[in-house]
Protein backbone atom coordinates (compact mmCIF):
# COMPACT_ATOMS: atom_id res chain seq x y z
CA MET A 1 -23.51 -10.47 -5.27
CA ARG A 2 -26.34 -11.49 -7.61
CA LEU A 3 -29.30 -13.86 -7.40
CA GLU A 4 -29.49 -15.97 -10.54
CA THR A 5 -32.19 -18.45 -11.66
CA GLY A 6 -32.08 -21.20 -14.21
CA GLY A 7 -35.04 -19.81 -16.15
CA SER A 8 -37.88 -17.37 -16.02
CA ILE A 9 -41.15 -17.47 -14.05
CA ASN A 10 -44.20 -18.01 -16.31
CA LEU A 11 -47.00 -15.66 -15.30
CA THR A 12 -49.42 -16.62 -18.14
CA THR A 13 -52.40 -18.97 -17.79
CA THR A 14 -53.64 -21.33 -20.57
CA ASP A 15 -57.28 -22.22 -21.28
CA GLU A 16 -56.66 -25.73 -20.02
CA GLN A 17 -55.33 -24.43 -16.72
CA ARG A 18 -58.34 -22.14 -16.38
CA SER A 19 -60.63 -25.13 -16.97
CA VAL A 20 -58.93 -27.17 -14.30
CA ALA A 21 -59.26 -24.31 -11.89
CA THR A 22 -62.96 -24.03 -12.68
CA MET A 23 -63.62 -27.74 -12.23
CA ASN A 24 -61.77 -28.08 -8.96
CA GLY A 25 -63.31 -24.96 -7.55
CA PRO A 26 -62.20 -23.03 -4.48
CA LEU A 27 -60.21 -25.95 -3.02
CA VAL A 28 -57.67 -26.02 -5.86
CA ALA A 29 -57.42 -22.22 -5.90
CA ALA A 30 -56.85 -22.10 -2.17
CA SER A 31 -54.21 -24.84 -2.41
CA ARG A 32 -52.36 -22.91 -5.12
CA MET A 33 -52.58 -19.73 -3.11
CA ARG A 34 -51.04 -21.47 -0.11
CA ARG A 35 -48.20 -22.87 -2.27
CA ALA A 36 -47.60 -19.45 -3.86
CA SER A 37 -47.59 -17.86 -0.43
CA SER A 38 -45.14 -20.46 0.83
CA THR A 39 -42.85 -19.94 -2.18
CA THR A 40 -42.98 -16.16 -1.78
CA SER A 41 -42.15 -16.41 1.92
CA ALA A 42 -39.17 -18.62 1.14
CA LEU A 43 -37.87 -16.19 -1.47
CA LEU A 44 -38.34 -13.28 0.91
CA ALA A 45 -36.46 -15.17 3.60
CA VAL A 46 -33.55 -15.82 1.22
CA LEU A 47 -33.50 -12.17 0.17
CA ALA A 48 -33.59 -11.02 3.79
CA CYS A 49 -30.68 -13.27 4.69
CA TRP A 50 -28.68 -12.08 1.66
CA VAL A 51 -29.36 -8.39 2.34
CA GLY A 52 -28.57 -8.85 6.01
CA ALA A 53 -25.30 -10.62 5.28
CA GLU A 54 -24.33 -7.99 2.74
CA SER A 55 -25.10 -5.18 5.22
CA VAL A 56 -23.08 -6.87 7.96
CA ALA A 57 -20.13 -7.35 5.59
CA GLN A 58 -20.22 -3.70 4.52
CA GLU A 59 -20.50 -2.48 8.10
CA THR A 60 -17.59 -4.69 9.09
CA ASN A 61 -15.44 -3.18 6.33
CA ARG A 62 -16.43 0.35 7.28
CA ASN A 63 -15.61 -0.23 10.92
CA ALA A 64 -12.22 -1.86 10.32
CA THR A 65 -9.76 -0.56 12.90
CA THR A 66 -6.09 0.25 12.83
CA HIS A 67 -3.50 -1.40 15.04
CA ARG A 68 -3.89 1.58 17.38
CA GLY A 69 -7.60 0.86 17.84
CA GLN A 70 -8.76 3.88 15.83
CA LYS A 71 -11.26 3.64 12.98
CA THR A 72 -9.79 3.89 9.52
CA VAL A 73 -10.79 6.86 7.38
CA SER A 74 -10.25 5.42 3.90
CA ASP A 75 -13.48 4.83 2.04
CA ILE A 76 -15.28 4.50 -1.31
CA ARG A 77 -18.18 6.97 -1.58
CA ASP A 78 -19.98 5.87 -4.72
CA SER A 79 -22.99 8.19 -4.89
CA ALA A 80 -22.96 7.91 -8.72
CA SER A 81 -23.30 4.08 -8.51
CA LEU A 82 -20.38 3.49 -10.86
CA PHE A 83 -19.08 0.39 -9.09
CA GLY A 84 -20.52 -2.97 -8.18
CA ALA A 85 -20.92 -3.99 -4.54
CA GLY A 86 -18.16 -6.59 -4.74
CA ALA A 87 -15.65 -4.23 -6.36
CA THR A 88 -16.46 -1.51 -3.81
CA ALA A 89 -16.00 -3.87 -0.84
CA ALA A 90 -12.69 -5.20 -2.17
CA ALA A 91 -11.34 -1.71 -2.91
CA ARG A 92 -12.41 -0.40 0.49
CA LYS A 93 -10.70 -3.31 2.23
CA GLU A 94 -7.46 -2.71 0.31
CA LEU A 95 -7.47 1.04 1.03
CA GLN A 96 -7.97 0.37 4.73
CA ARG A 97 -5.04 -2.06 4.68
CA ILE A 98 -2.87 0.62 3.05
CA GLU A 99 -3.94 3.13 5.69
CA ARG A 100 -3.08 0.79 8.54
CA GLU A 101 0.36 -0.05 7.13
CA MET A 102 1.41 3.33 5.72
CA ASN A 103 -0.56 5.83 7.82
CA LEU A 104 -2.12 7.42 4.73
CA ALA A 105 -5.87 7.73 4.15
CA THR A 106 -7.53 7.58 0.74
CA ILE A 107 -11.06 8.59 -0.20
CA ILE A 108 -12.50 7.85 -3.65
CA GLU A 109 -15.74 9.72 -4.25
CA THR A 110 -18.05 9.69 -7.27
CA VAL A 111 -20.74 12.21 -8.23
CA ASP A 112 -23.38 12.10 -10.99
CA THR A 113 -22.57 15.62 -12.18
CA LEU A 114 -20.56 18.69 -11.22
CA LYS A 115 -23.58 20.96 -11.93
CA GLY A 116 -21.45 23.46 -13.83
CA ARG A 117 -18.70 23.65 -11.20
CA LYS A 118 -15.04 23.04 -12.02
CA ILE A 119 -13.89 19.61 -10.93
CA ASP A 120 -10.75 20.95 -9.26
CA ASP A 121 -12.78 23.39 -7.15
CA GLU A 122 -15.30 20.71 -6.21
CA ALA A 123 -12.57 18.19 -5.38
CA ARG A 124 -10.78 20.71 -3.19
CA ARG A 125 -14.03 21.54 -1.36
CA LEU A 126 -14.87 17.89 -0.72
CA ALA A 127 -11.28 17.06 0.27
CA GLU A 128 -11.14 19.89 2.78
CA HIS A 129 -14.51 18.84 4.18
CA SER A 130 -13.27 15.27 4.64
CA GLY A 131 -10.23 16.47 6.61
CA ILE A 132 -8.06 13.56 5.47
CA GLN A 133 -4.27 13.50 5.25
CA GLY A 134 -3.51 11.56 2.09
CA ILE A 135 -5.20 11.11 -1.29
CA PHE A 136 -8.59 12.37 -2.42
CA THR A 137 -9.96 11.29 -5.80
CA LEU A 138 -13.15 12.72 -7.30
CA ILE A 139 -14.81 11.06 -10.31
CA SER A 140 -17.65 12.79 -12.19
CA LYS A 141 -19.93 10.45 -14.14
CA LYS A 142 -21.57 12.94 -16.51
CA GLU A 143 -18.44 15.00 -17.27
CA LYS A 144 -16.28 11.83 -17.53
CA SER A 145 -13.46 13.47 -15.58
CA LEU A 146 -11.21 12.53 -12.68
CA GLU A 147 -9.37 14.77 -10.22
CA LEU A 148 -6.58 13.56 -7.93
CA LEU A 149 -5.45 15.67 -4.95
CA VAL A 150 -2.56 14.88 -2.60
CA SER A 151 -2.24 16.61 0.76
CA ARG A 152 0.92 18.59 1.40
CA ARG A 153 2.37 16.03 3.83
CA TYR A 154 2.59 13.41 1.07
CA GLN A 155 3.40 15.47 -2.02
CA MET A 156 7.10 14.63 -1.88
CA ALA A 157 6.40 10.89 -1.62
CA LEU A 158 3.71 11.00 -4.32
CA SER A 159 5.60 12.93 -6.97
CA ARG A 160 4.04 13.83 -10.31
CA PRO A 161 5.18 10.61 -12.08
CA ARG A 162 3.64 8.51 -9.29
CA GLN A 163 0.42 10.53 -9.46
CA GLU A 164 0.32 9.98 -13.21
CA ALA A 165 0.67 6.22 -12.65
CA ILE A 166 -2.30 6.30 -10.26
CA ARG A 167 -4.45 8.24 -12.75
CA ALA A 168 -3.49 5.82 -15.52
CA GLY A 169 -4.59 2.93 -13.33
CA PHE A 170 -8.09 4.37 -12.93
CA ILE A 171 -8.49 5.52 -16.53
CA GLU A 172 -7.39 2.18 -18.01
CA GLY A 173 -10.74 0.62 -17.09
CA PHE A 174 -12.86 3.78 -17.10
CA ALA A 175 -12.06 4.45 -20.76
CA ARG A 176 -13.63 1.07 -21.61
CA ARG A 177 -16.62 1.76 -19.33
CA ASP A 178 -15.37 -1.06 -17.09
CA PHE A 179 -15.54 0.94 -13.88
CA ASP A 180 -15.03 -2.02 -11.55
CA HIS A 181 -11.74 -2.85 -13.29
CA GLY A 182 -10.74 0.84 -13.25
CA LEU A 183 -11.38 0.99 -9.50
CA GLU A 184 -9.37 -2.17 -8.90
CA ARG A 185 -6.41 -0.97 -10.98
CA GLY A 186 -6.53 2.55 -9.49
CA VAL A 187 -6.40 1.24 -5.92
CA ALA A 188 -3.61 -1.16 -6.89
CA ALA A 189 -1.68 1.77 -8.42
CA ILE A 190 -2.04 3.70 -5.15
CA GLY A 191 -0.55 0.77 -3.26
CA GLU A 192 2.30 0.38 -5.75
CA ALA A 193 3.16 4.10 -5.68
CA LEU A 194 3.23 4.18 -1.89
CA ALA A 195 5.28 0.99 -1.70
CA ALA A 196 7.84 2.55 -4.06
CA ALA A 197 7.95 5.71 -1.93
CA GLN A 198 8.37 3.62 1.19
CA ARG A 199 11.27 1.65 -0.32
CA ALA A 200 12.94 4.93 -1.29
CA GLY A 201 12.53 6.25 2.25
CA GLU A 202 10.33 9.11 1.00
CA LEU A 203 7.13 8.18 2.81
CA PRO A 204 6.60 10.16 6.04
CA LYS A 205 6.79 7.85 9.01
CA ALA A 206 3.95 7.43 11.43
CA GLU A 207 4.55 8.64 14.94
CA PRO A 208 3.14 5.93 17.21
CA ILE A 209 3.63 6.37 20.93
CA PRO A 210 5.24 3.16 22.20
CA PHE A 211 4.57 1.77 25.62
CA LEU A 212 7.42 2.65 27.95
CA PRO A 213 7.85 1.60 31.57
CA GLY A 214 7.37 4.39 34.09
CA PRO A 215 10.48 6.25 35.28
CA ALA A 216 12.03 5.43 38.63
CA HIS A 217 11.32 8.99 39.75
CA SER A 218 8.55 11.41 38.92
CA THR A 219 9.04 13.75 35.96
CA ALA A 220 5.97 15.82 36.72
CA SER A 221 6.24 19.55 36.95
CA PRO A 222 5.34 21.32 40.20
CA ALA A 223 1.87 21.96 38.78
CA GLY A 224 1.37 18.23 38.33
CA ALA A 225 1.49 18.18 34.51
CA PRO A 226 4.02 15.81 32.86
CA GLU A 227 7.01 17.46 31.24
CA ALA A 228 7.37 17.21 27.47
CA LEU A 229 10.07 14.77 26.40
CA VAL A 230 10.49 16.22 22.89
CA VAL A 231 9.46 19.31 20.94
CA ARG A 232 7.30 18.56 17.90
CA ASN A 233 5.97 20.59 14.97
CA GLN A 234 9.12 22.65 14.51
CA VAL A 235 9.56 24.72 11.34
CA ARG A 236 12.71 23.99 9.32
CA LEU A 237 14.42 26.25 6.79
CA THR A 238 15.12 24.47 3.49
CA LEU A 239 17.72 25.11 0.81
CA ALA A 240 14.98 26.45 -1.47
CA GLY A 241 14.01 28.98 1.19
CA ALA A 242 17.66 29.98 1.64
CA ARG A 243 18.03 30.57 -2.09
CA ILE A 244 14.92 32.75 -2.15
CA MET A 245 16.42 35.01 0.52
CA ILE A 246 19.80 35.22 -1.19
CA ALA A 247 18.19 36.19 -4.51
CA ALA A 248 16.07 38.89 -2.87
CA ALA A 249 19.03 40.21 -0.86
CA GLU A 250 21.08 40.48 -4.05
CA VAL A 251 18.33 42.51 -5.74
CA LYS A 252 18.31 44.88 -2.78
CA ALA A 253 22.11 45.20 -2.82
CA ARG A 254 22.14 46.05 -6.54
CA SER A 255 19.53 48.77 -5.98
CA MET A 256 21.67 50.53 -3.33
CA PRO A 257 24.18 49.86 -5.13
CA VAL A 258 26.74 47.82 -3.19
CA ASN A 259 28.52 44.50 -3.77
CA VAL A 260 28.25 42.19 -0.78
CA ASN A 261 28.65 38.65 0.51
CA ILE A 262 25.41 36.94 1.62
CA ALA A 263 25.21 33.92 3.93
CA VAL A 264 22.19 31.93 5.13
CA VAL A 265 22.39 29.49 8.07
CA ASP A 266 19.90 27.22 9.84
CA ASP A 267 18.71 27.64 13.42
CA GLY A 268 21.89 26.05 14.73
CA GLY A 269 24.18 28.39 12.78
CA HIS A 270 25.14 25.82 10.13
CA LEU A 271 25.71 27.21 6.64
CA LEU A 272 22.93 26.47 4.11
CA ALA A 273 23.80 28.82 1.23
CA PHE A 274 26.36 31.49 0.38
CA GLU A 275 26.89 33.99 -2.45
CA ARG A 276 29.59 36.55 -3.13
CA MET A 277 28.55 39.16 -5.66
CA ASP A 278 31.05 40.16 -8.31
CA GLY A 279 33.26 42.89 -6.89
CA ALA A 280 32.54 42.06 -3.25
CA ARG A 281 35.51 41.84 -0.86
CA PRO A 282 36.46 38.18 -0.29
CA ALA A 283 37.37 38.91 3.35
CA SER A 284 33.79 40.04 4.00
CA GLY A 285 32.63 36.49 3.31
CA TYR A 286 33.92 35.45 6.74
CA THR A 287 32.12 38.28 8.47
CA ALA A 288 28.87 37.52 6.60
CA ILE A 289 28.91 33.90 7.82
CA THR A 290 29.82 34.97 11.35
CA LYS A 291 27.01 37.53 11.42
CA ALA A 292 24.50 34.89 10.29
CA THR A 293 25.74 32.39 12.87
CA SER A 294 25.56 34.99 15.64
CA ALA A 295 22.01 36.06 14.75
CA ALA A 296 20.80 32.46 14.60
CA THR A 297 22.37 31.27 17.85
CA ILE A 298 21.86 34.45 19.92
CA ARG A 299 18.30 34.65 18.50
CA GLN A 300 18.44 38.37 17.76
CA PRO A 301 20.02 40.78 15.24
CA THR A 302 23.72 41.40 15.56
CA GLY A 303 25.03 44.80 16.61
CA PRO A 304 25.28 46.86 19.76
CA LEU A 305 23.05 45.73 22.65
CA PRO A 306 20.30 46.34 23.45
CA ALA A 307 19.41 46.07 19.74
CA GLY A 308 17.60 49.01 18.16
CA THR A 309 18.43 51.49 20.92
CA ALA A 310 20.29 54.77 20.59
CA ASN A 311 22.19 54.23 23.86
CA PRO A 312 23.88 50.81 23.98
CA ASP A 313 24.74 49.34 27.37
CA PRO A 314 28.58 49.48 27.73
CA LEU A 315 28.79 46.59 30.20
CA LEU A 316 26.49 44.43 28.13
CA ASN A 317 28.54 45.07 25.00
CA ILE A 318 31.81 44.32 26.79
CA SER A 319 30.27 40.96 27.75
CA LEU A 320 29.27 40.38 24.13
CA GLN A 321 32.77 41.17 22.91
CA ASN A 322 34.21 38.73 25.45
CA ALA A 323 31.75 36.08 24.26
CA ALA A 324 32.80 36.77 20.69
CA ALA A 325 36.45 36.25 21.59
CA ALA A 326 35.65 33.06 23.50
CA SER A 327 33.66 31.66 20.55
CA GLY A 328 36.71 31.53 18.33
CA GLY A 329 35.23 33.85 15.73
CA LYS A 330 31.71 32.38 15.63
CA ILE A 331 30.02 35.34 17.31
CA THR A 332 30.27 39.01 16.38
CA SER A 333 28.79 42.31 17.48
CA LEU A 334 28.94 43.81 13.98
CA LEU A 335 25.71 44.92 12.31
CA GLY A 336 24.39 42.83 9.40
CA GLY A 337 23.10 39.57 10.90
CA VAL A 338 19.31 39.13 11.14
CA PRO A 339 17.40 36.06 12.41
CA VAL A 340 14.60 34.51 10.34
CA LEU A 341 11.36 34.13 12.32
CA VAL A 342 8.49 31.96 11.10
CA ASP A 343 5.56 31.07 13.36
CA ALA A 344 7.42 32.76 16.23
CA GLN A 345 10.35 30.35 15.79
CA VAL A 346 13.91 31.26 14.79
CA ILE A 347 14.56 28.94 11.85
CA GLY A 348 17.83 30.48 10.70
CA ALA A 349 19.50 33.78 9.89
CA VAL A 350 20.89 35.90 7.08
CA GLY A 351 24.30 37.56 7.36
CA VAL A 352 25.61 40.20 4.95
CA GLY A 353 29.12 41.66 4.71
CA GLY A 354 30.66 44.21 2.37
CA GLY A 355 28.73 47.43 2.92
CA THR A 356 28.33 49.60 5.98
CA GLY A 357 26.78 47.91 8.97
CA GLU A 358 23.39 49.54 8.32
CA GLN A 359 23.51 48.67 4.61
CA ASP A 360 24.29 45.05 5.43
CA ALA A 361 21.35 44.89 7.86
CA GLN A 362 18.95 46.42 5.29
CA ILE A 363 20.00 43.88 2.66
CA ALA A 364 19.55 40.99 5.10
CA ARG A 365 16.08 42.20 6.09
CA ALA A 366 15.05 42.51 2.44
CA GLY A 367 16.00 38.89 1.81
CA ILE A 368 14.02 37.70 4.84
CA GLN A 369 10.98 39.76 3.88
CA ALA A 370 10.82 38.04 0.49
CA LEU A 371 10.59 34.64 2.19
CA VAL A 372 7.94 35.85 4.64
CA ASP A 373 5.86 37.28 1.80
CA LEU A 374 5.96 33.98 -0.10
CA LEU A 375 4.94 32.03 2.98
CA ALA A 376 1.92 34.29 3.39
CA LEU A 377 0.53 33.22 0.00
CA PRO A 378 -2.18 30.49 -0.09
CA PRO A 379 -0.73 26.95 -0.26
CA VAL A 380 -0.62 25.33 -3.69
CA VAL A 381 -1.97 21.77 -3.94
CA GLU A 382 -0.47 19.78 -6.76
CA LYS A 383 -3.30 18.64 -8.99
CA GLU A 384 -4.24 17.66 -12.49
CA THR A 385 -7.61 16.89 -14.02
CA SER A 386 -7.92 13.80 -16.20
CA SER A 387 -10.71 12.84 -18.58
CA PHE A 388 -11.79 9.39 -19.61
CA GLY A 389 -14.17 7.66 -21.97
CA SER A 390 -16.56 8.97 -24.56
CA ASP A 391 -20.28 8.74 -25.14
CA ARG A 392 -21.33 5.56 -26.86
C-alpha cells in the first residue's frame, strides 16, 4: 500500500513571500504556523490510521486458524525485504489456505546473505529449527540462490519433476528482478503441484479425529485410562527393503558357497520378494517361503524351541510340530527363518532354503543386517540448489 500525491511540496520561499511576512508581522506568521500544524496533524492522523490498518491486516493473516482451531504454521519471513507488503500478504494468505486444505505447511524465508555458509546447510538448519512438516524455501539475496527442501512425509507426493516446477515458478520472476511476481508464481506452483498430487492420490491424508457419540458401555481400562481403538505409527517393510535383504543374502550365500532360495515376507507372512539362485533346489523354494512365514507370524526365528538353546523342550517342540501340521504347511520348525525387527516391531521375515539349517539361518541374518545398517544411516533429504538473476 502506498501514499501518493498529485505533486510535490514546495519548501522554498520567494522574496515577495518574505516581504509579506515582514509586513504582516507576528500575526501572519502565527496563522501560518497554526495552519501548518493543522496540516501536519491531519497527515499524521492519516498515516496512523494506515499503519494501524496494515498492522491489523497482517496480524489477522498471521493468526488465521485451521478448521480444527489450531494456528496455521505457513508463513513468509522476508528479512531481506525482497517482497512488497501486498505481495507478502497475498502469498501468506494463499499458503495458509493450502495448509488448511492439504495439511501441509510451507515457509518461505529470505536472508540478505549466507555469510559464507552453503545454502543447503543453512536451509536445513532453518528448516529443522522451524519444525514444519512440508516445504521450506530459502532465498539468499546477495548470492542470488534458492534452496527448496521437502520433508520426508511429502517427498513421494512432491517428486523431483514437481519440485522443479515449483523452483521454475519462483525463478521466472526472480530472474527479471521482479520478486513480487516470482513469489506469486512460486506459491501458485506449490498449490498446483499439491493439487496434482492430491488428484493422483499421492498426498498423505490428514488424520482428523471425528466426533463420535459415546459408547453404550464404558471402554475404560481398570486403571481408568481409555483403551486405544487403533495402533498408529507402525513400521512397514517395502519392496525396496525386501530387495536389499535378498541382494545381501545372495552375497553371503556366494561367499559360503551355497546356492539357496531366498524369500521375504511382510509382518503377516505375505510374500514380498523371492529369488532362487542358479543351481538351487527348486523344492527348497517352498521351505524358504514357509520358514519366512513361520518367523513372521510366530515372531521369532524358526527351529527347535526354545530358540538358541542347546537343550530344546521336547513337549514344546511336539506342540510346534502339531501346529505345523494344522497350518497346512504354513508353519515349520526347520532352521532358516528369521524375523526382521525395526524399532522393536516385527515388520517381516527372511526365509532361506537350500543349505544346512545353520547355513540358511546365517544367510537370512546377513540379509537382515544389511537392511538394519542402511536404516542406521542419516536420512537423506531430497534437495537441489537453484540460482537466479545476475548483477545489473
